Amino acid sequence: MQILGAIIFVAGAVIWCGNVFGFMPTVPLLGWIVMAIGGAVFKKGRA
């Protein structure tokens, strides 16, 4: 579960970088939302 959360978090970071630097524009705040979901999954896996 922790590994899945980490993968989701990294995917969110890539989306965020894509939005900020313009190489992969998506919906605004999508990167932050995906990173938050990844963090929640990671935390759930630790419990």
PDB file of N, CA and C in Angstrom:
ATOM      1  N   MET A   1       0.825  -1.185   0.000  1.00  0.00           N
ATOM      2  CA  MET A   1       0.000   0.000   0.000  1.00  0.00           C
ATOM      3  C   MET A   1       0.874   1.255   0.000  1.00  0.00           C
ATOM      4  N   GLN A   2       1.969   1.205   0.741  1.00  0.00           N
ATOM      5  CA  GLN A   2       2.879   2.344   0.775  1.00  0.00           C
ATOM      6  C   GLN A   2       3.513   2.585  -0.591  1.00  0.00           C
ATOM      7  N   ILE A   3       3.869   1.521  -1.270  1.00  0.00           N
ATOM      8  CA  ILE A   3       4.495   1.661  -2.594  1.00  0.00           C
ATOM      9  C   ILE A   3       3.503   2.286  -3.574  1.00  0.00           C
ATOM     10  N   LEU A   4       2.256   1.854  -3.534  1.00  0.00           N
ATOM     11  CA  LEU A   4       1.233   2.430  -4.399  1.00  0.00           C
ATOM     12  C   LEU A   4       1.053   3.919  -4.104  1.00  0.00           C
ATOM     13  N   GLY A   5       1.015   4.270  -2.819  1.00  0.00           N
ATOM     14  CA  GLY A   5       0.898   5.678  -2.445  1.00  0.00           C
ATOM     15  C   GLY A   5       2.069   6.500  -2.935  1.00  0.00           C
ATOM     16  N   ALA A   6       3.268   5.939  -2.851  1.00  0.00           N
ATOM     17  CA  ALA A   6       4.451   6.652  -3.331  1.00  0.00           C
ATOM     18  C   ALA A   6       4.408   6.837  -4.844  1.00  0.00           C
ATOM     19  N   ILE A   7       3.953   5.829  -5.563  1.00  0.00           N
ATOM     20  CA  ILE A   7       3.848   5.935  -7.023  1.00  0.00           C
ATOM     21  C   ILE A   7       2.823   7.003  -7.404  1.00  0.00           C
ATOM     22  N   ILE A   8       1.685   7.018  -6.725  1.00  0.00           N
ATOM     23  CA  ILE A   8       0.660   8.021  -6.999  1.00  0.00           C
ATOM     24  C   ILE A   8       1.199   9.419  -6.686  1.00  0.00           C
ATOM     25  N   PHE A   9       1.924   9.550  -5.581  1.00  0.00           N
ATOM     26  CA  PHE A   9       2.497  10.842  -5.205  1.00  0.00           C
ATOM     27  C   PHE A   9       3.481  11.329  -6.266  1.00  0.00           C
ATOM     28  N   VAL A  10       4.338  10.447  -6.739  1.00  0.00           N
ATOM     29  CA  VAL A  10       5.317  10.823  -7.774  1.00  0.00           C
ATOM     30  C   VAL A  10       4.598  11.203  -9.069  1.00  0.00           C
ATOM     31  N   ALA A  11       3.542  10.480  -9.405  1.00  0.00           N
ATOM     32  CA  ALA A  11       2.767  10.842 -10.596  1.00  0.00           C
ATOM     33  C   ALA A  11       2.181  12.245 -10.446  1.00  0.00           C
ATOM     34  N   GLY A  12       1.708  12.570  -9.256  1.00  0.00           N
ATOM     35  CA  GLY A  12       1.202  13.915  -9.002  1.00  0.00           C
ATOM     36  C   GLY A  12       2.284  14.965  -9.126  1.00  0.00           C
ATOM     37  N   ALA A  13       3.484  14.635  -8.662  1.00  0.00           N
ATOM     38  CA  ALA A  13       4.597  15.581  -8.780  1.00  0.00           C
ATOM     39  C   ALA A  13       4.959  15.810 -10.250  1.00  0.00           C
ATOM     40  N   VAL A  14       4.895  14.767 -11.060  1.00  0.00           N
ATOM     41  CA  VAL A  14       5.169  14.910 -12.495  1.00  0.00           C
ATOM     42  C   VAL A  14       4.097  15.776 -13.152  1.00  0.00           C
ATOM     43  N   ILE A  15       2.848  15.559 -12.785  1.00  0.00           N
ATOM     44  CA  ILE A  15       1.763  16.384 -13.327  1.00  0.00           C
ATOM     45  C   ILE A  15       1.955  17.835 -12.909  1.00  0.00           C
ATOM     46  N   TRP A  16       2.304  18.063 -11.656  1.00  0.00           N
ATOM     47  CA  TRP A  16       2.542  19.424 -11.172  1.00  0.00           C
ATOM     48  C   TRP A  16       3.664  20.093 -11.954  1.00  0.00           C
ATOM     49  N   CYS A  17       4.767  19.386 -12.138  1.00  0.00           N
ATOM     50  CA  CYS A  17       5.888  19.940 -12.919  1.00  0.00           C
ATOM     51  C   CYS A  17       5.455  20.222 -14.350  1.00  0.00           C
ATOM     52  N   GLY A  18       4.653  19.354 -14.922  1.00  0.00           N
ATOM     53  CA  GLY A  18       4.160  19.568 -16.277  1.00  0.00           C
ATOM     54  C   GLY A  18       3.318  20.824 -16.381  1.00  0.00           C
ATOM     55  N   ASN A  19       2.512  21.080 -15.358  1.00  0.00           N
ATOM     56  CA  ASN A  19       1.697  22.297 -15.355  1.00  0.00           C
ATOM     57  C   ASN A  19       2.558  23.536 -15.159  1.00  0.00           C
ATOM     58  N   VAL A  20       3.500  23.480 -14.251  1.00  0.00           N
ATOM     59  CA  VAL A  20       4.315  24.654 -13.926  1.00  0.00           C
ATOM     60  C   VAL A  20       5.255  25.005 -15.075  1.00  0.00           C
ATOM     61  N   PHE A  21       5.899  24.003 -15.649  1.00  0.00           N
ATOM     62  CA  PHE A  21       6.903  24.263 -16.683  1.00  0.00           C
ATOM     63  C   PHE A  21       6.333  24.181 -18.098  1.00  0.00           C
ATOM     64  N   GLY A  22       5.082  23.774 -18.229  1.00  0.00           N
ATOM     65  CA  GLY A  22       4.387  23.840 -19.508  1.00  0.00           C
ATOM     66  C   GLY A  22       4.605  22.680 -20.464  1.00  0.00           C
ATOM     67  N   PHE A  23       5.279  21.614 -20.063  1.00  0.00           N
ATOM     68  CA  PHE A  23       5.501  20.512 -21.000  1.00  0.00           C
ATOM     69  C   PHE A  23       4.348  19.508 -21.000  1.00  0.00           C
ATOM     70  N   MET A  24       3.431  19.615 -20.041  1.00  0.00           N
ATOM     71  CA  MET A  24       2.272  18.723 -19.999  1.00  0.00           C
ATOM     72  C   MET A  24       1.112  19.444 -19.297  1.00  0.00           C
ATOM     73  N   PRO A  25       0.547  20.465 -19.925  1.00  0.00           N
ATOM     74  CA  PRO A  25      -0.524  21.210 -19.258  1.00  0.00           C
ATOM     75  C   PRO A  25      -1.786  20.363 -19.065  1.00  0.00           C
ATOM     76  N   THR A  26      -2.333  20.418 -17.863  1.00  0.00           N
ATOM     77  CA  THR A  26      -3.568  19.695 -17.535  1.00  0.00           C
ATOM     78  C   THR A  26      -4.488  20.647 -16.772  1.00  0.00           C
ATOM     79  N   VAL A  27      -5.428  20.085 -16.077  1.00  0.00           N
ATOM     80  CA  VAL A  27      -6.372  20.858 -15.270  1.00  0.00           C
ATOM     81  C   VAL A  27      -5.608  21.526 -14.120  1.00  0.00           C
ATOM     82  N   PRO A  28      -5.878  22.796 -13.839  1.00  0.00           N
ATOM     83  CA  PRO A  28      -5.207  23.451 -12.723  1.00  0.00           C
ATOM     84  C   PRO A  28      -5.442  22.708 -11.404  1.00  0.00           C
ATOM     85  N   LEU A  29      -4.420  22.646 -10.588  1.00  0.00           N
ATOM     86  CA  LEU A  29      -4.416  22.004  -9.268  1.00  0.00           C
ATOM     87  C   LEU A  29      -4.499  20.480  -9.311  1.00  0.00           C
ATOM     88  N   LEU A  30      -4.496  19.882 -10.490  1.00  0.00           N
ATOM     89  CA  LEU A  30      -4.577  18.421 -10.574  1.00  0.00           C
ATOM     90  C   LEU A  30      -3.370  17.765  -9.914  1.00  0.00           C
ATOM     91  N   GLY A  31      -2.192  18.332 -10.094  1.00  0.00           N
ATOM     92  CA  GLY A  31      -0.991  17.765  -9.483  1.00  0.00           C
ATOM     93  C   GLY A  31      -1.083  17.745  -7.968  1.00  0.00           C
ATOM     94  N   TRP A  32      -1.563  18.836  -7.391  1.00  0.00           N
ATOM     95  CA  TRP A  32      -1.710  18.904  -5.936  1.00  0.00           C
ATOM     96  C   TRP A  32      -2.715  17.876  -5.442  1.00  0.00           C
ATOM     97  N   ILE A  33      -3.807  17.722  -6.170  1.00  0.00           N
ATOM     98  CA  ILE A  33      -4.845  16.766  -5.765  1.00  0.00           C
ATOM     99  C   ILE A  33      -4.318  15.338  -5.818  1.00  0.00           C
ATOM    100  N   VAL A  34      -3.604  15.000  -6.890  1.00  0.00           N
ATOM    101  CA  VAL A  34      -3.062  13.648  -7.029  1.00  0.00           C
ATOM    102  C   VAL A  34      -2.000  13.392  -5.957  1.00  0.00           C
ATOM    103  N   MET A  35      -1.170  14.399  -5.666  1.00  0.00           N
ATOM    104  CA  MET A  35      -0.173  14.228  -4.604  1.00  0.00           C
ATOM    105  C   MET A  35      -0.842  14.022  -3.247  1.00  0.00           C
ATOM    106  N   ALA A  36      -1.942  14.731  -2.993  1.00  0.00           N
ATOM    107  CA  ALA A  36      -2.664  14.559  -1.730  1.00  0.00           C
ATOM    108  C   ALA A  36      -3.257  13.155  -1.626  1.00  0.00           C
ATOM    109  N   ILE A  37      -3.811  12.659  -2.721  1.00  0.00           N
ATOM    110  CA  ILE A  37      -4.356  11.299  -2.723  1.00  0.00           C
ATOM    111  C   ILE A  37      -3.240  10.285  -2.477  1.00  0.00           C
ATOM    112  N   GLY A  38      -2.096  10.485  -3.133  1.00  0.00           N
ATOM    113  CA  GLY A  38      -0.960   9.589  -2.918  1.00  0.00           C
ATOM    114  C   GLY A  38      -0.475   9.608  -1.479  1.00  0.00           C
ATOM    115  N   GLY A  39      -0.443  10.798  -0.886  1.00  0.00           N
ATOM    116  CA  GLY A  39      -0.047  10.895   0.522  1.00  0.00           C
ATOM    117  C   GLY A  39      -1.028  10.195   1.441  1.00  0.00           C
ATOM    118  N   ALA A  40      -2.318  10.312   1.135  1.00  0.00           N
ATOM    119  CA  ALA A  40      -3.333   9.637   1.950  1.00  0.00           C
ATOM    120  C   ALA A  40      -3.216   8.119   1.838  1.00  0.00           C
ATOM    121  N   VAL A  41      -2.979   7.629   0.627  1.00  0.00           N
ATOM    122  CA  VAL A  41      -2.820   6.185   0.430  1.00  0.00           C
ATOM    123  C   VAL A  41      -1.578   5.698   1.163  1.00  0.00           C
ATOM    124  N   PHE A  42      -0.488   6.474   1.073  1.00  0.00           N
ATOM    125  CA  PHE A  42       0.747   6.104   1.754  1.00  0.00           C
ATOM    126  C   PHE A  42       0.529   6.046   3.262  1.00  0.00           C
ATOM    127  N   LYS A  43      -0.159   7.053   3.798  1.00  0.00           N
ATOM    128  CA  LYS A  43      -0.432   7.096   5.237  1.00  0.00           C
ATOM    129  C   LYS A  43      -1.321   5.933   5.662  1.00  0.00           C
ATOM    130  N   LYS A  44      -2.310   5.608   4.834  1.00  0.00           N
ATOM    131  CA  LYS A  44      -3.188   4.479   5.134  1.00  0.00           C
ATOM    132  C   LYS A  44      -2.401   3.171   5.170  1.00  0.00           C
ATOM    133  N   GLY A  45      -1.405   3.046   4.301  1.00  0.00           N
ATOM    134  CA  GLY A  45      -0.574   1.861   4.268  1.00  0.00           C
ATOM    135  C   GLY A  45       0.316   1.727   5.499  1.00  0.00           C
ATOM    136  N   ARG A  46       0.686   2.842   6.090  1.00  0.00           N
ATOM    137  CA  ARG A  46       1.534   2.810   7.291  1.00  0.00           C
ATOM    138  C   ARG A  46       0.754   2.390   8.512  1.00  0.00           C
ATOM    139  N   ALA A  47      -0.554   2.651   8.523  1.00  0.00           N
ATOM    140  CA  ALA A  47      -1.378   2.355   9.703  1.00  0.00           C
ATOM    141  C   ALA A  47      -1.703   0.874   9.838  1.00  0.00           C
TER     142      ALA A  47
END
